[in-house]
Amino acid sequence: MDRRATLIDIIRRVSKKNVSPEADESLFDSGLLDSFALPDMVSGIEEAFAVKIPDADLHPRKFDSIERIEAYLESLN
């Protein structure tokens, strides 16, 4: 499974909605996720991609869209 498909799977699991958001769609403005869902999504990302996301980076803006999440993951490498 590629990175984007994995992220969509995580978003579906956390939001409990069978959706396929556009890469630049705001996950928070669209109502798919809220600030309470952010830690669950970050945990899913950490597990799926074997990364550790510092608490200081837990800002909805960094995880607002699939594109932003992908850029963030690239910055960790």
C-alpha atoms as a PDB file:
ATOM      1  CA  MET A   1       0.000   0.000   0.000  1.00  0.00           C
ATOM      2  CA  ASP A   2       1.401   3.404  -0.889  1.00  0.00           C
ATOM      3  CA  ARG A   3       1.699   6.279   1.557  1.00  0.00           C
ATOM      4  CA  ARG A   4      -1.396   8.162   0.398  1.00  0.00           C
ATOM      5  CA  ALA A   5      -3.595   5.049   0.516  1.00  0.00           C
ATOM      6  CA  THR A   6      -2.305   4.312   4.008  1.00  0.00           C
ATOM      7  CA  LEU A   7      -3.119   7.862   5.134  1.00  0.00           C
ATOM      8  CA  ILE A   8      -6.629   7.616   3.689  1.00  0.00           C
ATOM      9  CA  ASP A   9      -7.095   4.333   5.551  1.00  0.00           C
ATOM     10  CA  ILE A  10      -5.999   5.983   8.818  1.00  0.00           C
ATOM     11  CA  ILE A  11      -8.357   8.928   8.213  1.00  0.00           C
ATOM     12  CA  ARG A  12     -11.240   6.539   7.539  1.00  0.00           C
ATOM     13  CA  ARG A  13     -10.532   4.599  10.711  1.00  0.00           C
ATOM     14  CA  VAL A  14     -10.225   7.690  12.912  1.00  0.00           C
ATOM     15  CA  SER A  15     -13.197   9.549  11.401  1.00  0.00           C
ATOM     16  CA  LYS A  16     -15.320   6.374  11.209  1.00  0.00           C
ATOM     17  CA  LYS A  17     -16.407   7.529   7.734  1.00  0.00           C
ATOM     18  CA  ASN A  18     -15.840   5.762   4.429  1.00  0.00           C
ATOM     19  CA  VAL A  19     -14.391   8.774   2.612  1.00  0.00           C
ATOM     20  CA  SER A  20     -11.590   9.536   0.179  1.00  0.00           C
ATOM     21  CA  PRO A  21     -10.638  13.157   0.811  1.00  0.00           C
ATOM     22  CA  GLU A  22      -8.817  15.122  -1.867  1.00  0.00           C
ATOM     23  CA  ALA A  23      -5.110  15.579  -1.163  1.00  0.00           C
ATOM     24  CA  ASP A  24      -5.523  19.300  -0.458  1.00  0.00           C
ATOM     25  CA  GLU A  25      -8.879  19.070   1.367  1.00  0.00           C
ATOM     26  CA  SER A  26      -8.863  20.338   4.938  1.00  0.00           C
ATOM     27  CA  LEU A  27      -9.598  17.372   7.169  1.00  0.00           C
ATOM     28  CA  PHE A  28     -10.651  19.683   9.987  1.00  0.00           C
ATOM     29  CA  ASP A  29     -12.644  22.326   8.062  1.00  0.00           C
ATOM     30  CA  SER A  30     -14.534  19.567   6.231  1.00  0.00           C
ATOM     31  CA  GLY A  31     -15.594  18.063   9.564  1.00  0.00           C
ATOM     32  CA  LEU A  32     -13.865  14.729   8.966  1.00  0.00           C
ATOM     33  CA  LEU A  33     -11.639  15.246  11.988  1.00  0.00           C
ATOM     34  CA  ASP A  34     -11.591  17.458  15.045  1.00  0.00           C
ATOM     35  CA  SER A  35      -8.924  18.281  17.603  1.00  0.00           C
ATOM     36  CA  PHE A  36      -9.983  15.297  19.706  1.00  0.00           C
ATOM     37  CA  ALA A  37      -9.280  12.955  16.768  1.00  0.00           C
ATOM     38  CA  LEU A  38      -5.784  14.385  16.170  1.00  0.00           C
ATOM     39  CA  PRO A  39      -3.981  12.194  18.749  1.00  0.00           C
ATOM     40  CA  ASP A  40      -5.655   9.070  17.333  1.00  0.00           C
ATOM     41  CA  MET A  41      -4.622  10.017  13.807  1.00  0.00           C
ATOM     42  CA  VAL A  42      -1.055  10.768  14.896  1.00  0.00           C
ATOM     43  CA  SER A  43      -0.867   7.406  16.699  1.00  0.00           C
ATOM     44  CA  GLY A  44      -2.022   5.690  13.511  1.00  0.00           C
ATOM     45  CA  ILE A  45       0.597   7.553  11.479  1.00  0.00           C
ATOM     46  CA  GLU A  46       3.332   6.661  13.960  1.00  0.00           C
ATOM     47  CA  GLU A  47       2.384   2.999  13.840  1.00  0.00           C
ATOM     48  CA  ALA A  48       1.937   2.796  10.059  1.00  0.00           C
ATOM     49  CA  PHE A  49       5.140   4.628   9.155  1.00  0.00           C
ATOM     50  CA  ALA A  50       7.368   3.649  12.112  1.00  0.00           C
ATOM     51  CA  VAL A  51       8.003   7.271  13.094  1.00  0.00           C
ATOM     52  CA  LYS A  52       7.829   9.196  16.360  1.00  0.00           C
ATOM     53  CA  ILE A  53       5.998  12.505  16.212  1.00  0.00           C
ATOM     54  CA  PRO A  54       6.999  14.825  19.063  1.00  0.00           C
ATOM     55  CA  ASP A  55       4.234  16.308  21.196  1.00  0.00           C
ATOM     56  CA  ALA A  56       5.438  19.770  20.137  1.00  0.00           C
ATOM     57  CA  ASP A  57       4.301  18.949  16.584  1.00  0.00           C
ATOM     58  CA  LEU A  58       0.719  18.060  17.549  1.00  0.00           C
ATOM     59  CA  HIS A  59      -0.888  21.035  15.813  1.00  0.00           C
ATOM     60  CA  PRO A  60      -3.943  20.514  13.597  1.00  0.00           C
ATOM     61  CA  ARG A  61      -2.368  22.802  10.967  1.00  0.00           C
ATOM     62  CA  LYS A  62       0.485  20.322  10.379  1.00  0.00           C
ATOM     63  CA  PHE A  63      -2.031  17.527   9.798  1.00  0.00           C
ATOM     64  CA  ASP A  64      -4.749  19.548   8.052  1.00  0.00           C
ATOM     65  CA  SER A  65      -4.624  17.704   4.715  1.00  0.00           C
ATOM     66  CA  ILE A  66      -3.110  14.628   3.164  1.00  0.00           C
ATOM     67  CA  GLU A  67      -0.617  16.861   1.333  1.00  0.00           C
ATOM     68  CA  ARG A  68       0.488  18.489   4.594  1.00  0.00           C
ATOM     69  CA  ILE A  69       0.834  15.117   6.302  1.00  0.00           C
ATOM     70  CA  GLU A  70       2.930  13.816   3.406  1.00  0.00           C
ATOM     71  CA  ALA A  71       5.160  16.917   3.539  1.00  0.00           C
ATOM     72  CA  TYR A  72       5.517  16.488   7.298  1.00  0.00           C
ATOM     73  CA  LEU A  73       6.494  12.837   6.910  1.00  0.00           C
ATOM     74  CA  GLU A  74       9.078  13.833   4.287  1.00  0.00           C
ATOM     75  CA  SER A  75      10.554  16.359   6.718  1.00  0.00           C
ATOM     76  CA  LEU A  76      11.113  13.583   9.277  1.00  0.00           C
ATOM     77  CA  ASN A  77      13.444  11.685   6.929  1.00  0.00           C
END
